[in-house]
Amino acid sequence: MRRDEGVVLMPILARGSHIHPRVGGCFAEVAATLTTQTWNGHPNCIPPVLLRLVWGVNDKTSPRARTSLAPLIPWAICSPRGPRDLTGDIAVTTALIERTRSRHPGGPDLDPLLRRLERLPRARHVIDRTVWRRASRHLVRAQLRSIVETADGPDRDACLRALLVAAIDATRAVEGLPPLRQPADVPVYGAHLLPVTVHLTSVDEIPELHVEPLLDDWPDWIRDPWERRLHELGAAAKGADRDQPQHLAGIRQLAPI
């Protein structure tokens, strides 16, 4: 691989993780490209529980409908927080618990898990956080498995998308923002290639891939939501305590308000 590869076309959205944007980008990898401009399937700009859901929805949505998830990417991006901060995780998990109880009331298989998750962890206790987040991953898998087992074709795609929108809305509620419009932006179908500039660098002798989005050449259905989300993040930054500069760590730039 050359140190400076120049412009390549990135297929979106693709199933699984990818070693290079030339072979495809998943939901999380595109989110990392927009924020830190690093090629990363585990970006800290998406809360961990929401990220687990993002991976599952991305992979279980049909190839034809998967690109329709792309306009949701900017709305899933949050201001990165420290490992002790469970705000986003609790918001998403609470939304999933409510959906589970409304759809499967009294389900004996899930009741112990739901009761465990309703006992919120102590943020300063590593084991507490770890056990609680592990339980939340089980709930995410249960939600995805339920949709896959009970729906098929376009119905399955619609249910997966609705689940992701509900989780994103939960994080927006924590930020004091309204829910996304329904449907959130116009669904997009088929294969799309987005231009990005790729650079291979080395940090402490560890190769690192940097991917800069050429947003002027990206379609409106992903560029416009990203610009609107940047305005929201910028407003949040202005309202945040100035003694907490890490509030937007990882976001490369903010659109002017």
C-alpha atoms as a PDB file:
ATOM      1  CA  MET A   1       0.000   0.000   0.000  1.00  0.00           C
ATOM      2  CA  ARG A   2       1.404   3.388  -0.938  1.00  0.00           C
ATOM      3  CA  ARG A   3       1.823   6.028   1.753  1.00  0.00           C
ATOM      4  CA  ASP A   4      -0.474   8.422  -0.099  1.00  0.00           C
ATOM      5  CA  GLU A   5      -3.141   6.718  -2.182  1.00  0.00           C
ATOM      6  CA  GLY A   6      -5.107   9.774  -3.228  1.00  0.00           C
ATOM      7  CA  VAL A   7      -8.803   9.629  -4.134  1.00  0.00           C
ATOM      8  CA  VAL A   8     -10.700   6.338  -4.102  1.00  0.00           C
ATOM      9  CA  LEU A   9     -14.406   5.497  -4.407  1.00  0.00           C
ATOM     10  CA  MET A  10     -15.950   3.942  -1.296  1.00  0.00           C
ATOM     11  CA  PRO A  11     -18.979   1.649  -1.788  1.00  0.00           C
ATOM     12  CA  ILE A  12     -21.630   2.230   0.891  1.00  0.00           C
ATOM     13  CA  LEU A  13     -23.111   0.625   2.811  1.00  0.00           C
ATOM     14  CA  ALA A  14     -21.446  -2.772   2.946  1.00  0.00           C
ATOM     15  CA  ARG A  15     -21.855  -5.681   5.338  1.00  0.00           C
ATOM     16  CA  GLY A  16     -19.185  -6.416   7.951  1.00  0.00           C
ATOM     17  CA  SER A  17     -15.893  -4.619   8.577  1.00  0.00           C
ATOM     18  CA  HIS A  18     -13.425  -3.602   5.881  1.00  0.00           C
ATOM     19  CA  ILE A  19      -9.678  -3.155   5.729  1.00  0.00           C
ATOM     20  CA  HIS A  20      -9.888  -0.329   3.195  1.00  0.00           C
ATOM     21  CA  PRO A  21     -12.618   2.052   1.963  1.00  0.00           C
ATOM     22  CA  ARG A  22     -12.042   0.805  -1.576  1.00  0.00           C
ATOM     23  CA  VAL A  23     -13.762  -2.476  -0.683  1.00  0.00           C
ATOM     24  CA  GLY A  24     -16.648  -0.862   1.177  1.00  0.00           C
ATOM     25  CA  GLY A  25     -17.681   1.067   4.242  1.00  0.00           C
ATOM     26  CA  CYS A  26     -20.197   0.059   6.910  1.00  0.00           C
ATOM     27  CA  PHE A  27     -22.333   2.435   8.973  1.00  0.00           C
ATOM     28  CA  ALA A  28     -19.718   2.776  11.739  1.00  0.00           C
ATOM     29  CA  GLU A  29     -16.781   3.221   9.349  1.00  0.00           C
ATOM     30  CA  VAL A  30     -18.540   6.035   7.508  1.00  0.00           C
ATOM     31  CA  ALA A  31     -19.338   7.666  10.873  1.00  0.00           C
ATOM     32  CA  ALA A  32     -15.642   7.538  11.791  1.00  0.00           C
ATOM     33  CA  THR A  33     -14.759   9.029   8.410  1.00  0.00           C
ATOM     34  CA  LEU A  34     -17.094  11.968   9.033  1.00  0.00           C
ATOM     35  CA  THR A  35     -15.824  12.678  12.545  1.00  0.00           C
ATOM     36  CA  THR A  36     -12.190  11.702  13.150  1.00  0.00           C
ATOM     37  CA  GLN A  37     -11.300  10.888   9.527  1.00  0.00           C
ATOM     38  CA  THR A  38      -9.733   7.644  10.676  1.00  0.00           C
ATOM     39  CA  TRP A  39     -10.736   4.237   9.309  1.00  0.00           C
ATOM     40  CA  ASN A  40     -12.312   2.645  12.351  1.00  0.00           C
ATOM     41  CA  GLY A  41     -15.244   0.290  12.834  1.00  0.00           C
ATOM     42  CA  HIS A  42     -15.373   1.102  16.572  1.00  0.00           C
ATOM     43  CA  PRO A  43     -15.670   4.917  16.616  1.00  0.00           C
ATOM     44  CA  ASN A  44     -16.135   6.513  20.026  1.00  0.00           C
ATOM     45  CA  CYS A  45     -18.524   9.045  18.476  1.00  0.00           C
ATOM     46  CA  ILE A  46     -21.295   6.418  18.765  1.00  0.00           C
ATOM     47  CA  PRO A  47     -22.235   5.220  22.288  1.00  0.00           C
ATOM     48  CA  PRO A  48     -21.218   1.554  22.790  1.00  0.00           C
ATOM     49  CA  VAL A  49     -24.735   0.100  23.086  1.00  0.00           C
ATOM     50  CA  LEU A  50     -25.939   2.080  20.072  1.00  0.00           C
ATOM     51  CA  LEU A  51     -22.828   0.954  18.206  1.00  0.00           C
ATOM     52  CA  ARG A  52     -23.722  -2.711  18.827  1.00  0.00           C
ATOM     53  CA  LEU A  53     -27.162  -2.028  17.419  1.00  0.00           C
ATOM     54  CA  VAL A  54     -25.667  -0.195  14.437  1.00  0.00           C
ATOM     55  CA  TRP A  55     -23.498  -3.206  13.572  1.00  0.00           C
ATOM     56  CA  GLY A  56     -26.441  -5.582  13.747  1.00  0.00           C
ATOM     57  CA  VAL A  57     -28.855  -3.431  11.750  1.00  0.00           C
ATOM     58  CA  ASN A  58     -26.196  -2.715   9.120  1.00  0.00           C
ATOM     59  CA  ASP A  59     -25.422  -6.414   8.626  1.00  0.00           C
ATOM     60  CA  LYS A  60     -28.954  -7.813   8.835  1.00  0.00           C
ATOM     61  CA  THR A  61     -30.563  -5.301   6.460  1.00  0.00           C
ATOM     62  CA  SER A  62     -30.852  -6.582   2.889  1.00  0.00           C
ATOM     63  CA  PRO A  63     -28.226  -5.389   0.361  1.00  0.00           C
ATOM     64  CA  ARG A  64     -30.858  -3.500  -1.620  1.00  0.00           C
ATOM     65  CA  ALA A  65     -32.167  -1.550   1.375  1.00  0.00           C
ATOM     66  CA  ARG A  66     -28.909  -1.149   3.308  1.00  0.00           C
ATOM     67  CA  THR A  67     -27.945   2.150   1.693  1.00  0.00           C
ATOM     68  CA  SER A  68     -31.234   3.608   2.954  1.00  0.00           C
ATOM     69  CA  LEU A  69     -29.585   3.576   6.404  1.00  0.00           C
ATOM     70  CA  ALA A  70     -26.894   6.031   5.265  1.00  0.00           C
ATOM     71  CA  PRO A  71     -28.928   9.219   5.918  1.00  0.00           C
ATOM     72  CA  LEU A  72     -29.179   8.075   9.555  1.00  0.00           C
ATOM     73  CA  ILE A  73     -25.402   8.014  10.065  1.00  0.00           C
ATOM     74  CA  PRO A  74     -25.008  11.699  11.059  1.00  0.00           C
ATOM     75  CA  TRP A  75     -27.827  11.442  13.598  1.00  0.00           C
ATOM     76  CA  ALA A  76     -26.163   8.475  15.357  1.00  0.00           C
ATOM     77  CA  ILE A  77     -22.995  10.542  15.932  1.00  0.00           C
ATOM     78  CA  CYS A  78     -22.746  11.959  19.448  1.00  0.00           C
ATOM     79  CA  SER A  79     -20.196  13.981  21.341  1.00  0.00           C
ATOM     80  CA  PRO A  80     -17.641  11.397  22.549  1.00  0.00           C
ATOM     81  CA  ARG A  81     -17.575  10.897  26.312  1.00  0.00           C
ATOM     82  CA  GLY A  82     -15.327   9.109  28.739  1.00  0.00           C
ATOM     83  CA  PRO A  83     -15.619   5.370  29.513  1.00  0.00           C
ATOM     84  CA  ARG A  84     -17.390   6.111  32.799  1.00  0.00           C
ATOM     85  CA  ASP A  85     -20.171   8.095  31.137  1.00  0.00           C
ATOM     86  CA  LEU A  86     -23.156   5.813  30.552  1.00  0.00           C
ATOM     87  CA  THR A  87     -25.620   8.499  29.483  1.00  0.00           C
ATOM     88  CA  GLY A  88     -26.010   7.326  25.890  1.00  0.00           C
ATOM     89  CA  ASP A  89     -25.898   3.636  26.830  1.00  0.00           C
ATOM     90  CA  ILE A  90     -28.620   4.046  29.444  1.00  0.00           C
ATOM     91  CA  ALA A  91     -30.821   6.038  27.056  1.00  0.00           C
ATOM     92  CA  VAL A  92     -30.608   3.411  24.307  1.00  0.00           C
ATOM     93  CA  THR A  93     -31.000   0.469  26.698  1.00  0.00           C
ATOM     94  CA  THR A  94     -34.029   2.049  28.350  1.00  0.00           C
ATOM     95  CA  ALA A  95     -35.654   2.489  24.939  1.00  0.00           C
ATOM     96  CA  LEU A  96     -34.951  -1.170  24.106  1.00  0.00           C
ATOM     97  CA  ILE A  97     -36.376  -2.316  27.446  1.00  0.00           C
ATOM     98  CA  GLU A  98     -39.585  -0.354  26.807  1.00  0.00           C
ATOM     99  CA  ARG A  99     -39.908  -1.847  23.316  1.00  0.00           C
ATOM    100  CA  THR A 100     -39.310  -5.352  24.661  1.00  0.00           C
ATOM    101  CA  ARG A 101     -41.881  -5.028  27.450  1.00  0.00           C
ATOM    102  CA  SER A 102     -44.489  -3.566  25.084  1.00  0.00           C
ATOM    103  CA  ARG A 103     -44.015  -6.300  22.484  1.00  0.00           C
ATOM    104  CA  HIS A 104     -43.299  -9.276  24.760  1.00  0.00           C
ATOM    105  CA  PRO A 105     -45.067  -8.563  28.083  1.00  0.00           C
ATOM    106  CA  GLY A 106     -44.244 -11.104  30.719  1.00  0.00           C
ATOM    107  CA  GLY A 107     -41.732 -12.949  28.563  1.00  0.00           C
ATOM    108  CA  PRO A 108     -40.060 -15.380  30.999  1.00  0.00           C
ATOM    109  CA  ASP A 109     -36.900 -15.684  28.920  1.00  0.00           C
ATOM    110  CA  LEU A 110     -36.163 -11.955  28.937  1.00  0.00           C
ATOM    111  CA  ASP A 111     -37.516 -10.892  32.330  1.00  0.00           C
ATOM    112  CA  PRO A 112     -34.305 -11.678  34.297  1.00  0.00           C
ATOM    113  CA  LEU A 113     -32.250  -9.769  31.726  1.00  0.00           C
ATOM    114  CA  LEU A 114     -34.582  -6.769  31.794  1.00  0.00           C
ATOM    115  CA  ARG A 115     -34.573  -6.668  35.599  1.00  0.00           C
ATOM    116  CA  ARG A 116     -30.769  -6.798  35.584  1.00  0.00           C
ATOM    117  CA  LEU A 117     -30.584  -3.888  33.154  1.00  0.00           C
ATOM    118  CA  GLU A 118     -33.096  -1.821  35.106  1.00  0.00           C
ATOM    119  CA  ARG A 119     -30.647  -1.840  38.028  1.00  0.00           C
ATOM    120  CA  LEU A 120     -28.347   0.869  36.720  1.00  0.00           C
ATOM    121  CA  PRO A 121     -24.603   0.364  37.277  1.00  0.00           C
ATOM    122  CA  ARG A 122     -22.461   2.539  39.480  1.00  0.00           C
ATOM    123  CA  ALA A 123     -20.509   4.638  37.005  1.00  0.00           C
ATOM    124  CA  ARG A 124     -17.297   4.547  39.034  1.00  0.00           C
ATOM    125  CA  HIS A 125     -17.229   0.750  39.317  1.00  0.00           C
ATOM    126  CA  VAL A 126     -15.528  -0.895  36.362  1.00  0.00           C
ATOM    127  CA  ILE A 127     -16.994  -4.359  37.023  1.00  0.00           C
ATOM    128  CA  ASP A 128     -20.482  -2.886  37.403  1.00  0.00           C
ATOM    129  CA  ARG A 129     -20.189  -1.088  34.074  1.00  0.00           C
ATOM    130  CA  THR A 130     -18.718  -4.113  32.328  1.00  0.00           C
ATOM    131  CA  VAL A 131     -21.419  -6.527  33.541  1.00  0.00           C
ATOM    132  CA  TRP A 132     -24.209  -4.073  32.738  1.00  0.00           C
ATOM    133  CA  ARG A 133     -22.892  -3.374  29.237  1.00  0.00           C
ATOM    134  CA  ARG A 134     -22.538  -7.108  28.613  1.00  0.00           C
ATOM    135  CA  ALA A 135     -26.199  -7.537  29.574  1.00  0.00           C
ATOM    136  CA  SER A 136     -27.145  -4.674  27.255  1.00  0.00           C
ATOM    137  CA  ARG A 137     -25.425  -6.469  24.376  1.00  0.00           C
ATOM    138  CA  HIS A 138     -27.600  -9.520  25.077  1.00  0.00           C
ATOM    139  CA  LEU A 139     -30.689  -7.305  24.845  1.00  0.00           C
ATOM    140  CA  VAL A 140     -29.514  -5.850  21.519  1.00  0.00           C
ATOM    141  CA  ARG A 141     -29.014  -9.368  20.134  1.00  0.00           C
ATOM    142  CA  ALA A 142     -32.446 -10.422  21.403  1.00  0.00           C
ATOM    143  CA  GLN A 143     -34.107  -7.462  19.675  1.00  0.00           C
ATOM    144  CA  LEU A 144     -32.345  -8.172  16.393  1.00  0.00           C
ATOM    145  CA  ARG A 145     -33.048 -11.906  16.602  1.00  0.00           C
ATOM    146  CA  SER A 146     -36.745 -11.245  17.221  1.00  0.00           C
ATOM    147  CA  ILE A 147     -37.005  -9.123  14.071  1.00  0.00           C
ATOM    148  CA  VAL A 148     -35.081 -11.597  11.926  1.00  0.00           C
ATOM    149  CA  GLU A 149     -37.212 -14.520  13.127  1.00  0.00           C
ATOM    150  CA  THR A 150     -40.594 -12.815  12.722  1.00  0.00           C
ATOM    151  CA  ALA A 151     -40.215 -10.642   9.623  1.00  0.00           C
ATOM    152  CA  ASP A 152     -38.855 -11.079   6.136  1.00  0.00           C
ATOM    153  CA  GLY A 153     -38.111  -9.076   3.010  1.00  0.00           C
ATOM    154  CA  PRO A 154     -39.070  -5.363   3.047  1.00  0.00           C
ATOM    155  CA  ASP A 155     -40.901  -5.800   6.376  1.00  0.00           C
ATOM    156  CA  ARG A 156     -37.682  -6.944   8.033  1.00  0.00           C
ATOM    157  CA  ASP A 157     -35.748  -4.007   6.577  1.00  0.00           C
ATOM    158  CA  ALA A 158     -38.418  -1.566   7.778  1.00  0.00           C
ATOM    159  CA  CYS A 159     -38.441  -3.059  11.295  1.00  0.00           C
ATOM    160  CA  LEU A 160     -34.644  -2.927  11.565  1.00  0.00           C
ATOM    161  CA  ARG A 161     -34.593   0.692  10.431  1.00  0.00           C
ATOM    162  CA  ALA A 162     -37.379   1.612  12.876  1.00  0.00           C
ATOM    163  CA  LEU A 163     -35.435  -0.013  15.720  1.00  0.00           C
ATOM    164  CA  LEU A 164     -32.350   2.033  14.868  1.00  0.00           C
ATOM    165  CA  VAL A 165     -34.359   5.256  14.620  1.00  0.00           C
ATOM    166  CA  ALA A 166     -35.903   4.574  18.048  1.00  0.00           C
ATOM    167  CA  ALA A 167     -32.435   4.123  19.551  1.00  0.00           C
ATOM    168  CA  ILE A 168     -31.152   7.329  17.921  1.00  0.00           C
ATOM    169  CA  ASP A 169     -34.213   9.213  19.187  1.00  0.00           C
ATOM    170  CA  ALA A 170     -33.359   8.035  22.708  1.00  0.00           C
ATOM    171  CA  THR A 171     -29.930   9.679  22.495  1.00  0.00           C
ATOM    172  CA  ARG A 172     -31.521  12.823  21.071  1.00  0.00           C
ATOM    173  CA  ALA A 173     -33.934  13.010  23.998  1.00  0.00           C
ATOM    174  CA  VAL A 174     -30.964  13.039  26.387  1.00  0.00           C
ATOM    175  CA  GLU A 175     -29.566  15.997  24.441  1.00  0.00           C
ATOM    176  CA  GLY A 176     -32.903  17.792  24.673  1.00  0.00           C
ATOM    177  CA  LEU A 177     -33.519  17.427  20.927  1.00  0.00           C
ATOM    178  CA  PRO A 178     -36.743  16.401  19.155  1.00  0.00           C
ATOM    179  CA  PRO A 179     -37.156  12.981  17.501  1.00  0.00           C
ATOM    180  CA  LEU A 180     -36.101  12.532  13.899  1.00  0.00           C
ATOM    181  CA  ARG A 181     -38.692  13.171  11.257  1.00  0.00           C
ATOM    182  CA  GLN A 182     -40.604  10.078  10.189  1.00  0.00           C
ATOM    183  CA  PRO A 183     -39.386   8.715   7.916  1.00  0.00           C
ATOM    184  CA  ALA A 184     -35.936  10.121   8.691  1.00  0.00           C
ATOM    185  CA  ASP A 185     -34.894  11.548   5.333  1.00  0.00           C
ATOM    186  CA  VAL A 186     -35.656   9.884   2.022  1.00  0.00           C
ATOM    187  CA  PRO A 187     -34.747   6.181   1.781  1.00  0.00           C
ATOM    188  CA  VAL A 188     -32.021   5.485  -0.764  1.00  0.00           C
ATOM    189  CA  TYR A 189     -31.697   2.202  -2.641  1.00  0.00           C
ATOM    190  CA  GLY A 190     -29.010   0.537  -4.719  1.00  0.00           C
ATOM    191  CA  ALA A 191     -25.218   0.771  -4.732  1.00  0.00           C
ATOM    192  CA  HIS A 192     -23.472   4.140  -4.277  1.00  0.00           C
ATOM    193  CA  LEU A 193     -19.807   5.077  -4.531  1.00  0.00           C
ATOM    194  CA  LEU A 194     -18.593   8.037  -2.455  1.00  0.00           C
ATOM    195  CA  PRO A 195     -15.227   9.742  -3.151  1.00  0.00           C
ATOM    196  CA  VAL A 196     -12.758   9.932  -0.268  1.00  0.00           C
ATOM    197  CA  THR A 197      -9.082  10.810   0.024  1.00  0.00           C
ATOM    198  CA  VAL A 198      -7.038   8.040   1.635  1.00  0.00           C
ATOM    199  CA  HIS A 199      -3.676   8.455   3.367  1.00  0.00           C
ATOM    200  CA  LEU A 200      -1.618   5.789   5.118  1.00  0.00           C
ATOM    201  CA  THR A 201       0.427   7.195   7.987  1.00  0.00           C
ATOM    202  CA  SER A 202       2.356   5.725  10.880  1.00  0.00           C
ATOM    203  CA  VAL A 203       1.809   6.610  14.537  1.00  0.00           C
ATOM    204  CA  ASP A 204       4.490   5.173  16.848  1.00  0.00           C
ATOM    205  CA  GLU A 205       5.341   2.716  14.051  1.00  0.00           C
ATOM    206  CA  ILE A 206       1.704   1.558  13.900  1.00  0.00           C
ATOM    207  CA  PRO A 207       0.113   2.054  10.445  1.00  0.00           C
ATOM    208  CA  GLU A 208      -3.035   4.162  10.504  1.00  0.00           C
ATOM    209  CA  LEU A 209      -5.444   4.782   7.656  1.00  0.00           C
ATOM    210  CA  HIS A 210      -6.874   8.283   7.346  1.00  0.00           C
ATOM    211  CA  VAL A 211      -9.923   8.795   5.171  1.00  0.00           C
ATOM    212  CA  GLU A 212     -11.106  12.311   4.359  1.00  0.00           C
ATOM    213  CA  PRO A 213     -14.619  12.613   2.901  1.00  0.00           C
ATOM    214  CA  LEU A 214     -14.876  14.805  -0.198  1.00  0.00           C
ATOM    215  CA  LEU A 215     -18.202  16.147   1.005  1.00  0.00           C
ATOM    216  CA  ASP A 216     -18.734  18.509  -1.917  1.00  0.00           C
ATOM    217  CA  ASP A 217     -19.070  15.423  -4.107  1.00  0.00           C
ATOM    218  CA  TRP A 218     -21.235  13.435  -1.696  1.00  0.00           C
ATOM    219  CA  PRO A 219     -24.999  13.233  -2.338  1.00  0.00           C
ATOM    220  CA  ASP A 220     -27.368  15.600  -0.544  1.00  0.00           C
ATOM    221  CA  TRP A 221     -29.068  12.748   1.336  1.00  0.00           C
ATOM    222  CA  ILE A 222     -25.989  12.264   3.514  1.00  0.00           C
ATOM    223  CA  ARG A 223     -24.233  15.641   3.270  1.00  0.00           C
ATOM    224  CA  ASP A 224     -27.261  17.711   4.355  1.00  0.00           C
ATOM    225  CA  PRO A 225     -28.029  15.605   7.470  1.00  0.00           C
ATOM    226  CA  TRP A 226     -24.362  15.798   8.456  1.00  0.00           C
ATOM    227  CA  GLU A 227     -24.342  19.586   8.173  1.00  0.00           C
ATOM    228  CA  ARG A 228     -27.510  19.805  10.285  1.00  0.00           C
ATOM    229  CA  ARG A 229     -26.028  17.441  12.880  1.00  0.00           C
ATOM    230  CA  LEU A 230     -22.864  19.532  13.025  1.00  0.00           C
ATOM    231  CA  HIS A 231     -24.991  22.566  13.858  1.00  0.00           C
ATOM    232  CA  GLU A 232     -26.598  20.607  16.701  1.00  0.00           C
ATOM    233  CA  LEU A 233     -23.206  19.483  18.023  1.00  0.00           C
ATOM    234  CA  GLY A 234     -21.856  23.011  17.703  1.00  0.00           C
ATOM    235  CA  ALA A 235     -24.779  24.415  19.679  1.00  0.00           C
ATOM    236  CA  ALA A 236     -24.225  21.778  22.365  1.00  0.00           C
ATOM    237  CA  ALA A 237     -20.544  22.702  22.543  1.00  0.00           C
ATOM    238  CA  LYS A 238     -21.349  26.380  23.001  1.00  0.00           C
ATOM    239  CA  GLY A 239     -23.744  25.537  25.817  1.00  0.00           C
ATOM    240  CA  ALA A 240     -21.333  23.155  27.533  1.00  0.00           C
ATOM    241  CA  ASP A 241     -19.148  24.032  30.490  1.00  0.00           C
ATOM    242  CA  ARG A 242     -15.941  25.603  29.183  1.00  0.00           C
ATOM    243  CA  ASP A 243     -14.010  23.654  31.822  1.00  0.00           C
ATOM    244  CA  GLN A 244     -14.793  20.435  29.907  1.00  0.00           C
ATOM    245  CA  PRO A 245     -12.872  20.741  26.620  1.00  0.00           C
ATOM    246  CA  GLN A 246     -13.158  16.970  26.049  1.00  0.00           C
ATOM    247  CA  HIS A 247     -16.889  17.361  25.367  1.00  0.00           C
ATOM    248  CA  LEU A 248     -16.312  17.309  21.602  1.00  0.00           C
ATOM    249  CA  ALA A 249     -13.007  15.450  21.482  1.00  0.00           C
ATOM    250  CA  GLY A 250     -12.754  13.504  18.275  1.00  0.00           C
ATOM    251  CA  ILE A 251     -14.906  15.802  16.151  1.00  0.00           C
ATOM    252  CA  ARG A 252     -12.545  17.356  13.601  1.00  0.00           C
ATOM    253  CA  GLN A 253     -14.605  20.388  12.687  1.00  0.00           C
ATOM    254  CA  LEU A 254     -17.895  22.055  13.415  1.00  0.00           C
ATOM    255  CA  ALA A 255     -20.022  23.965  10.958  1.00  0.00           C
ATOM    256  CA  PRO A 256     -20.510  27.636  11.876  1.00  0.00           C
ATOM    257  CA  ILE A 257     -23.676  28.319  13.815  1.00  0.00           C
END
